Amino acid sequence: MATNINVLVSTILQIISDLRGESSVNTDAMRIRAVSRANKDFALRRNWRFYLYPNQTMVGSGVNDYTIGSATYPMRYKGLSEVFVDSGATTQEAYRYAIVDYHSYKEKYNADNAEKIVYEWYDKANDLWKIHINPKPAATETITYTYFWEPPTLTATNEYCVCPNPKIIALMASAEIHESEDERDTAKDEKNEAEQLIAEVIGEENTPNQNQLYAMGSLSKHGIGNY
């Protein structure tokens, strides 16, 4: 069921047609592609909490490298948030592995090859993200990880965008369509309105709700990225 967060592509197309004063909804492939690009653009603006995929698990297999994400929920660039490895699938601090970049990993590994460290890397041949874990998780251990995902390419009207305000995606897609029609003034106005709405979402994202507590500093000092 569609909500104001999980919105059907067909709903976005309806908004676009309404904005353009069209009597019927245009669902051709060009418009779906415009919605898909707008959805990706919005999703990659920052690490939104509604794109966080927490506490996923997989079983170790005695190797260092493991795939993060899937075709449905692919991990975004620099999207790894935390990694734990132990035999009980717990997320206690004693089992947290520090997330570092590749060069920091090499330095730390050379200093102590038993240090609990992880780096993320892009497998170009398979178009997916992987993590390299040291020490190697055994087959008796569970890897628990949290990451930020990015939306896959949308190709059909019955697929979904994830956005708190569907008008953002509609305006961004409509602006692209107007640019393709050389209506640059209209496109500019729509872009400006979309950016204002995005700023509002960022403001809400950064502001605690009533009775909520936000971390104002680093929760963990275990390497680069755990902030």
C-alpha atoms as a PDB file:
ATOM      1  CA  MET A   1       0.000   0.000   0.000  1.00  0.00           C
ATOM      2  CA  ALA A   2       1.399   3.399  -0.939  1.00  0.00           C
ATOM      3  CA  THR A   3       2.021   5.961   1.783  1.00  0.00           C
ATOM      4  CA  ASN A   4       3.541   9.426   1.869  1.00  0.00           C
ATOM      5  CA  ILE A   5       6.949   7.741   2.190  1.00  0.00           C
ATOM      6  CA  ASN A   6       6.559   4.773  -0.144  1.00  0.00           C
ATOM      7  CA  VAL A   7       4.916   6.277  -3.234  1.00  0.00           C
ATOM      8  CA  LEU A   8       3.954   4.526  -6.463  1.00  0.00           C
ATOM      9  CA  VAL A   9       5.571   5.769  -9.679  1.00  0.00           C
ATOM     10  CA  SER A  10       2.034   6.045 -11.059  1.00  0.00           C
ATOM     11  CA  THR A  11       1.215   8.525  -8.276  1.00  0.00           C
ATOM     12  CA  ILE A  12       4.239  10.662  -9.183  1.00  0.00           C
ATOM     13  CA  LEU A  13       3.223  10.556 -12.852  1.00  0.00           C
ATOM     14  CA  GLN A  14      -0.273  11.694 -11.867  1.00  0.00           C
ATOM     15  CA  ILE A  15       1.197  14.709 -10.053  1.00  0.00           C
ATOM     16  CA  ILE A  16       3.386  15.549 -13.071  1.00  0.00           C
ATOM     17  CA  SER A  17       0.409  15.407 -15.435  1.00  0.00           C
ATOM     18  CA  ASP A  18      -1.625  17.573 -13.062  1.00  0.00           C
ATOM     19  CA  LEU A  19       1.200  20.122 -12.834  1.00  0.00           C
ATOM     20  CA  ARG A  20       1.299  20.270 -16.629  1.00  0.00           C
ATOM     21  CA  GLY A  21      -2.484  20.591 -16.971  1.00  0.00           C
ATOM     22  CA  GLU A  22      -2.854  17.319 -18.874  1.00  0.00           C
ATOM     23  CA  SER A  23      -6.301  15.724 -18.940  1.00  0.00           C
ATOM     24  CA  SER A  24      -4.895  12.188 -18.691  1.00  0.00           C
ATOM     25  CA  VAL A  25      -1.835  10.673 -17.040  1.00  0.00           C
ATOM     26  CA  ASN A  26       1.167  10.237 -19.304  1.00  0.00           C
ATOM     27  CA  THR A  27       2.950   6.997 -18.396  1.00  0.00           C
ATOM     28  CA  ASP A  28       5.391   6.700 -21.277  1.00  0.00           C
ATOM     29  CA  ALA A  29       8.919   5.386 -20.734  1.00  0.00           C
ATOM     30  CA  MET A  30      10.567   8.812 -20.927  1.00  0.00           C
ATOM     31  CA  ARG A  31       8.560  10.065 -17.963  1.00  0.00           C
ATOM     32  CA  ILE A  32       9.247   6.944 -15.924  1.00  0.00           C
ATOM     33  CA  ARG A  33      12.971   7.423 -16.583  1.00  0.00           C
ATOM     34  CA  ALA A  34      12.691  11.054 -15.445  1.00  0.00           C
ATOM     35  CA  VAL A  35      11.005   9.913 -12.218  1.00  0.00           C
ATOM     36  CA  SER A  36      13.699   7.287 -11.695  1.00  0.00           C
ATOM     37  CA  ARG A  37      16.505   9.826 -12.106  1.00  0.00           C
ATOM     38  CA  ALA A  38      14.779  12.303  -9.791  1.00  0.00           C
ATOM     39  CA  ASN A  39      14.294   9.587  -7.192  1.00  0.00           C
ATOM     40  CA  LYS A  40      17.986   8.674  -7.302  1.00  0.00           C
ATOM     41  CA  ASP A  41      19.005  12.330  -7.165  1.00  0.00           C
ATOM     42  CA  PHE A  42      16.957  12.926  -4.026  1.00  0.00           C
ATOM     43  CA  ALA A  43      18.081   9.677  -2.375  1.00  0.00           C
ATOM     44  CA  LEU A  44      21.764  10.481  -2.826  1.00  0.00           C
ATOM     45  CA  ARG A  45      21.535  13.996  -1.386  1.00  0.00           C
ATOM     46  CA  ARG A  46      22.452  12.680   2.075  1.00  0.00           C
ATOM     47  CA  ASN A  47      22.206   9.597   4.279  1.00  0.00           C
ATOM     48  CA  TRP A  48      18.470   9.809   4.946  1.00  0.00           C
ATOM     49  CA  ARG A  49      17.139   7.785   7.852  1.00  0.00           C
ATOM     50  CA  PHE A  50      14.425   6.293   5.614  1.00  0.00           C
ATOM     51  CA  TYR A  51      17.185   4.788   3.453  1.00  0.00           C
ATOM     52  CA  LEU A  52      18.851   3.089   6.434  1.00  0.00           C
ATOM     53  CA  TYR A  53      18.752  -0.719   6.449  1.00  0.00           C
ATOM     54  CA  PRO A  54      19.673  -1.742  10.015  1.00  0.00           C
ATOM     55  CA  ASN A  55      20.900  -4.989  11.543  1.00  0.00           C
ATOM     56  CA  GLN A  56      21.134  -7.216   8.494  1.00  0.00           C
ATOM     57  CA  THR A  57      22.852 -10.545   9.021  1.00  0.00           C
ATOM     58  CA  MET A  58      24.796 -13.129   7.074  1.00  0.00           C
ATOM     59  CA  VAL A  59      26.867 -16.112   8.103  1.00  0.00           C
ATOM     60  CA  GLY A  60      30.639 -16.050   7.849  1.00  0.00           C
ATOM     61  CA  SER A  61      32.341 -18.489   5.509  1.00  0.00           C
ATOM     62  CA  GLY A  62      35.985 -18.249   6.440  1.00  0.00           C
ATOM     63  CA  VAL A  63      36.829 -15.577   3.847  1.00  0.00           C
ATOM     64  CA  ASN A  64      37.484 -11.836   4.114  1.00  0.00           C
ATOM     65  CA  ASP A  65      35.112 -10.423   1.483  1.00  0.00           C
ATOM     66  CA  TYR A  66      31.311 -10.257   1.653  1.00  0.00           C
ATOM     67  CA  THR A  67      28.672  -8.605  -0.528  1.00  0.00           C
ATOM     68  CA  ILE A  68      26.622  -5.794   0.998  1.00  0.00           C
ATOM     69  CA  GLY A  69      23.158  -5.016  -0.327  1.00  0.00           C
ATOM     70  CA  SER A  70      21.078  -6.516  -3.119  1.00  0.00           C
ATOM     71  CA  ALA A  71      19.418  -5.564  -6.381  1.00  0.00           C
ATOM     72  CA  THR A  72      16.404  -4.385  -4.372  1.00  0.00           C
ATOM     73  CA  TYR A  73      18.394  -2.608  -1.678  1.00  0.00           C
ATOM     74  CA  PRO A  74      21.835  -1.833  -3.137  1.00  0.00           C
ATOM     75  CA  MET A  75      24.322  -0.197  -0.791  1.00  0.00           C
ATOM     76  CA  ARG A  76      25.094   3.408  -1.693  1.00  0.00           C
ATOM     77  CA  TYR A  77      28.545   4.928  -2.011  1.00  0.00           C
ATOM     78  CA  LYS A  78      30.099   5.248   1.484  1.00  0.00           C
ATOM     79  CA  GLY A  79      26.940   3.676   2.853  1.00  0.00           C
ATOM     80  CA  LEU A  80      28.357   1.251   5.406  1.00  0.00           C
ATOM     81  CA  SER A  81      27.320   2.313   8.918  1.00  0.00           C
ATOM     82  CA  GLU A  82      28.416  -0.456  11.300  1.00  0.00           C
ATOM     83  CA  VAL A  83      29.635  -4.046  11.383  1.00  0.00           C
ATOM     84  CA  PHE A  84      29.617  -6.605  14.209  1.00  0.00           C
ATOM     85  CA  VAL A  85      31.015 -10.151  14.082  1.00  0.00           C
ATOM     86  CA  ASP A  86      30.429 -12.810  16.747  1.00  0.00           C
ATOM     87  CA  SER A  87      28.937 -16.243  17.298  1.00  0.00           C
ATOM     88  CA  GLY A  88      25.658 -14.976  18.787  1.00  0.00           C
ATOM     89  CA  ALA A  89      24.557 -12.319  16.270  1.00  0.00           C
ATOM     90  CA  THR A  90      24.751  -9.629  18.947  1.00  0.00           C
ATOM     91  CA  THR A  91      25.590  -5.960  18.525  1.00  0.00           C
ATOM     92  CA  GLN A  92      27.535  -5.471  21.731  1.00  0.00           C
ATOM     93  CA  GLU A  93      30.417  -3.023  21.532  1.00  0.00           C
ATOM     94  CA  ALA A  94      32.938  -5.787  22.141  1.00  0.00           C
ATOM     95  CA  TYR A  95      32.060  -7.212  18.721  1.00  0.00           C
ATOM     96  CA  ARG A  96      32.074  -3.955  16.749  1.00  0.00           C
ATOM     97  CA  TYR A  97      34.597  -3.756  13.906  1.00  0.00           C
ATOM     98  CA  ALA A  98      36.098  -0.376  13.027  1.00  0.00           C
ATOM     99  CA  ILE A  99      35.157   0.902   9.551  1.00  0.00           C
ATOM    100  CA  VAL A 100      38.186   2.506   7.918  1.00  0.00           C
ATOM    101  CA  ASP A 101      39.326   3.397   4.428  1.00  0.00           C
ATOM    102  CA  TYR A 102      41.611   1.078   2.463  1.00  0.00           C
ATOM    103  CA  HIS A 103      44.861   2.856   3.272  1.00  0.00           C
ATOM    104  CA  SER A 104      44.075   3.082   6.980  1.00  0.00           C
ATOM    105  CA  TYR A 105      43.220  -0.607   6.857  1.00  0.00           C
ATOM    106  CA  LYS A 106      46.641  -1.457   5.453  1.00  0.00           C
ATOM    107  CA  GLU A 107      48.399   0.619   8.087  1.00  0.00           C
ATOM    108  CA  LYS A 108      46.404  -0.892  10.950  1.00  0.00           C
ATOM    109  CA  TYR A 109      46.683  -4.425   9.577  1.00  0.00           C
ATOM    110  CA  ASN A 110      50.463  -4.124   9.190  1.00  0.00           C
ATOM    111  CA  ALA A 111      50.724  -2.913  12.765  1.00  0.00           C
ATOM    112  CA  ASP A 112      48.451  -5.659  14.131  1.00  0.00           C
ATOM    113  CA  ASN A 113      46.988  -8.301  11.816  1.00  0.00           C
ATOM    114  CA  ALA A 114      44.485  -9.342  14.495  1.00  0.00           C
ATOM    115  CA  GLU A 115      42.815  -5.931  14.712  1.00  0.00           C
ATOM    116  CA  LYS A 116      39.045  -5.889  14.096  1.00  0.00           C
ATOM    117  CA  ILE A 117      38.734  -3.670  11.046  1.00  0.00           C
ATOM    118  CA  VAL A 118      36.628  -3.380   7.885  1.00  0.00           C
ATOM    119  CA  TYR A 119      36.828  -1.421   4.654  1.00  0.00           C
ATOM    120  CA  GLU A 120      34.283  -1.151   1.851  1.00  0.00           C
ATOM    121  CA  TRP A 121      35.175  -1.581  -1.819  1.00  0.00           C
ATOM    122  CA  TYR A 122      33.362  -1.523  -5.136  1.00  0.00           C
ATOM    123  CA  ASP A 123      33.352  -4.706  -7.207  1.00  0.00           C
ATOM    124  CA  LYS A 124      33.206  -3.195 -10.682  1.00  0.00           C
ATOM    125  CA  ALA A 125      32.943  -6.556 -12.444  1.00  0.00           C
ATOM    126  CA  ASN A 126      29.710  -7.385 -10.625  1.00  0.00           C
ATOM    127  CA  ASP A 127      28.453  -3.824  -9.996  1.00  0.00           C
ATOM    128  CA  LEU A 128      28.035  -4.216  -6.245  1.00  0.00           C
ATOM    129  CA  TRP A 129      29.663  -3.177  -2.994  1.00  0.00           C
ATOM    130  CA  LYS A 130      31.659  -5.505  -0.791  1.00  0.00           C
ATOM    131  CA  ILE A 131      33.305  -5.296   2.592  1.00  0.00           C
ATOM    132  CA  HIS A 132      36.669  -6.742   3.512  1.00  0.00           C
ATOM    133  CA  ILE A 133      36.671  -7.968   7.111  1.00  0.00           C
ATOM    134  CA  ASN A 134      39.695  -8.719   9.274  1.00  0.00           C
ATOM    135  CA  PRO A 135      40.011 -11.199  10.925  1.00  0.00           C
ATOM    136  CA  LYS A 136      38.113 -13.552   8.627  1.00  0.00           C
ATOM    137  CA  PRO A 137      34.685 -14.447  10.085  1.00  0.00           C
ATOM    138  CA  ALA A 138      34.430 -18.158  10.708  1.00  0.00           C
ATOM    139  CA  ALA A 139      31.521 -20.313   9.573  1.00  0.00           C
ATOM    140  CA  THR A 140      30.353 -20.335  13.195  1.00  0.00           C
ATOM    141  CA  GLU A 141      30.112 -16.538  13.338  1.00  0.00           C
ATOM    142  CA  THR A 142      27.388 -14.128  12.253  1.00  0.00           C
ATOM    143  CA  ILE A 143      28.074 -10.810  10.543  1.00  0.00           C
ATOM    144  CA  THR A 144      25.580  -8.098  11.544  1.00  0.00           C
ATOM    145  CA  TYR A 145      25.731  -4.909   9.512  1.00  0.00           C
ATOM    146  CA  THR A 146      23.829  -1.694   8.908  1.00  0.00           C
ATOM    147  CA  TYR A 147      24.008   0.339   5.717  1.00  0.00           C
ATOM    148  CA  PHE A 148      22.344   3.084   3.691  1.00  0.00           C
ATOM    149  CA  TRP A 149      20.824   1.891   0.423  1.00  0.00           C
ATOM    150  CA  GLU A 150      20.013   3.698  -2.789  1.00  0.00           C
ATOM    151  CA  PRO A 151      16.976   3.076  -4.984  1.00  0.00           C
ATOM    152  CA  PRO A 152      17.405   0.837  -8.015  1.00  0.00           C
ATOM    153  CA  THR A 153      16.422   2.093 -11.457  1.00  0.00           C
ATOM    154  CA  LEU A 154      12.642   2.343 -11.822  1.00  0.00           C
ATOM    155  CA  THR A 155      11.099   1.037 -15.037  1.00  0.00           C
ATOM    156  CA  ALA A 156       7.402   0.489 -14.277  1.00  0.00           C
ATOM    157  CA  THR A 157       4.442   2.404 -12.880  1.00  0.00           C
ATOM    158  CA  ASN A 158       3.817  -0.147 -10.122  1.00  0.00           C
ATOM    159  CA  GLU A 159       7.261   0.390  -8.556  1.00  0.00           C
ATOM    160  CA  TYR A 160       7.907   2.743  -5.662  1.00  0.00           C
ATOM    161  CA  CYS A 161       9.778   5.928  -4.816  1.00  0.00           C
ATOM    162  CA  VAL A 162      10.784   6.552  -1.209  1.00  0.00           C
ATOM    163  CA  CYS A 163      10.372  10.198  -0.240  1.00  0.00           C
ATOM    164  CA  PRO A 164       8.478  11.996   2.586  1.00  0.00           C
ATOM    165  CA  ASN A 165       7.063  14.471   0.080  1.00  0.00           C
ATOM    166  CA  PRO A 166       6.173  13.002  -3.340  1.00  0.00           C
ATOM    167  CA  LYS A 167       5.916  16.489  -4.809  1.00  0.00           C
ATOM    168  CA  ILE A 168       9.721  16.734  -4.566  1.00  0.00           C
ATOM    169  CA  ILE A 169      10.193  13.844  -6.994  1.00  0.00           C
ATOM    170  CA  ALA A 170       7.395  15.113  -9.241  1.00  0.00           C
ATOM    171  CA  LEU A 171       8.882  18.635  -9.452  1.00  0.00           C
ATOM    172  CA  MET A 172      12.404  17.361 -10.118  1.00  0.00           C
ATOM    173  CA  ALA A 173      11.175  15.013 -12.854  1.00  0.00           C
ATOM    174  CA  SER A 174       8.883  17.660 -14.353  1.00  0.00           C
ATOM    175  CA  ALA A 175      11.758  20.152 -14.462  1.00  0.00           C
ATOM    176  CA  GLU A 176      13.829  17.686 -16.466  1.00  0.00           C
ATOM    177  CA  ILE A 177      10.930  17.133 -18.868  1.00  0.00           C
ATOM    178  CA  HIS A 178      10.459  20.877 -19.332  1.00  0.00           C
ATOM    179  CA  GLU A 179      14.182  21.268 -20.050  1.00  0.00           C
ATOM    180  CA  SER A 180      13.904  18.653 -22.786  1.00  0.00           C
ATOM    181  CA  GLU A 181      11.108  20.797 -24.273  1.00  0.00           C
ATOM    182  CA  ASP A 182      13.232  23.986 -24.069  1.00  0.00           C
ATOM    183  CA  GLU A 183      10.927  25.468 -21.447  1.00  0.00           C
ATOM    184  CA  ARG A 184      13.838  26.497 -19.243  1.00  0.00           C
ATOM    185  CA  ASP A 185      12.063  29.185 -17.223  1.00  0.00           C
ATOM    186  CA  THR A 186       9.422  26.705 -16.073  1.00  0.00           C
ATOM    187  CA  ALA A 187      12.112  24.142 -15.358  1.00  0.00           C
ATOM    188  CA  LYS A 188      14.020  26.673 -13.254  1.00  0.00           C
ATOM    189  CA  ASP A 189      10.921  27.510 -11.209  1.00  0.00           C
ATOM    190  CA  GLU A 190      10.219  23.834 -10.575  1.00  0.00           C
ATOM    191  CA  LYS A 191      13.817  23.171  -9.566  1.00  0.00           C
ATOM    192  CA  ASN A 192      13.728  26.058  -7.117  1.00  0.00           C
ATOM    193  CA  GLU A 193      10.504  24.836  -5.546  1.00  0.00           C
ATOM    194  CA  ALA A 194      11.886  21.295  -5.290  1.00  0.00           C
ATOM    195  CA  GLU A 195      15.052  22.585  -3.580  1.00  0.00           C
ATOM    196  CA  GLN A 196      12.947  24.519  -1.059  1.00  0.00           C
ATOM    197  CA  LEU A 197      10.966  21.374  -0.243  1.00  0.00           C
ATOM    198  CA  ILE A 198      14.182  19.360   0.071  1.00  0.00           C
ATOM    199  CA  ALA A 199      15.550  21.975   2.481  1.00  0.00           C
ATOM    200  CA  GLU A 200      12.417  21.531   4.595  1.00  0.00           C
ATOM    201  CA  VAL A 201      12.947  17.765   4.729  1.00  0.00           C
ATOM    202  CA  ILE A 202      16.599  18.280   5.702  1.00  0.00           C
ATOM    203  CA  GLY A 203      15.465  20.645   8.446  1.00  0.00           C
ATOM    204  CA  GLU A 204      13.115  18.008   9.821  1.00  0.00           C
ATOM    205  CA  GLU A 205      15.793  15.364   9.508  1.00  0.00           C
ATOM    206  CA  ASN A 206      18.191  17.461  11.578  1.00  0.00           C
ATOM    207  CA  THR A 207      15.684  18.479  14.273  1.00  0.00           C
ATOM    208  CA  PRO A 208      14.654  16.211  17.157  1.00  0.00           C
ATOM    209  CA  ASN A 209      10.955  15.609  17.539  1.00  0.00           C
ATOM    210  CA  GLN A 210       9.351  16.016  20.952  1.00  0.00           C
ATOM    211  CA  ASN A 211      10.827  13.581  23.483  1.00  0.00           C
ATOM    212  CA  GLN A 212      13.494  12.415  21.055  1.00  0.00           C
ATOM    213  CA  LEU A 213      17.219  12.413  21.806  1.00  0.00           C
ATOM    214  CA  TYR A 214      19.790  13.026  19.093  1.00  0.00           C
ATOM    215  CA  ALA A 215      23.504  12.344  19.251  1.00  0.00           C
ATOM    216  CA  MET A 216      25.402  15.600  18.832  1.00  0.00           C
ATOM    217  CA  GLY A 217      28.808  13.966  18.505  1.00  0.00           C
ATOM    218  CA  SER A 218      30.522  10.704  17.680  1.00  0.00           C
ATOM    219  CA  LEU A 219      28.867   7.637  19.126  1.00  0.00           C
ATOM    220  CA  SER A 220      32.004   5.631  18.458  1.00  0.00           C
ATOM    221  CA  LYS A 221      35.636   6.390  17.813  1.00  0.00           C
ATOM    222  CA  HIS A 222      36.284   3.103  16.041  1.00  0.00           C
ATOM    223  CA  GLY A 223      37.834   4.415  12.846  1.00  0.00           C
ATOM    224  CA  ILE A 224      36.741   6.617   9.982  1.00  0.00           C
ATOM    225  CA  GLY A 225      33.050   6.674   9.243  1.00  0.00           C
ATOM    226  CA  ASN A 226      31.481   5.753  12.582  1.00  0.00           C
ATOM    227  CA  TYR A 227      30.000   9.177  13.283  1.00  0.00           C
END
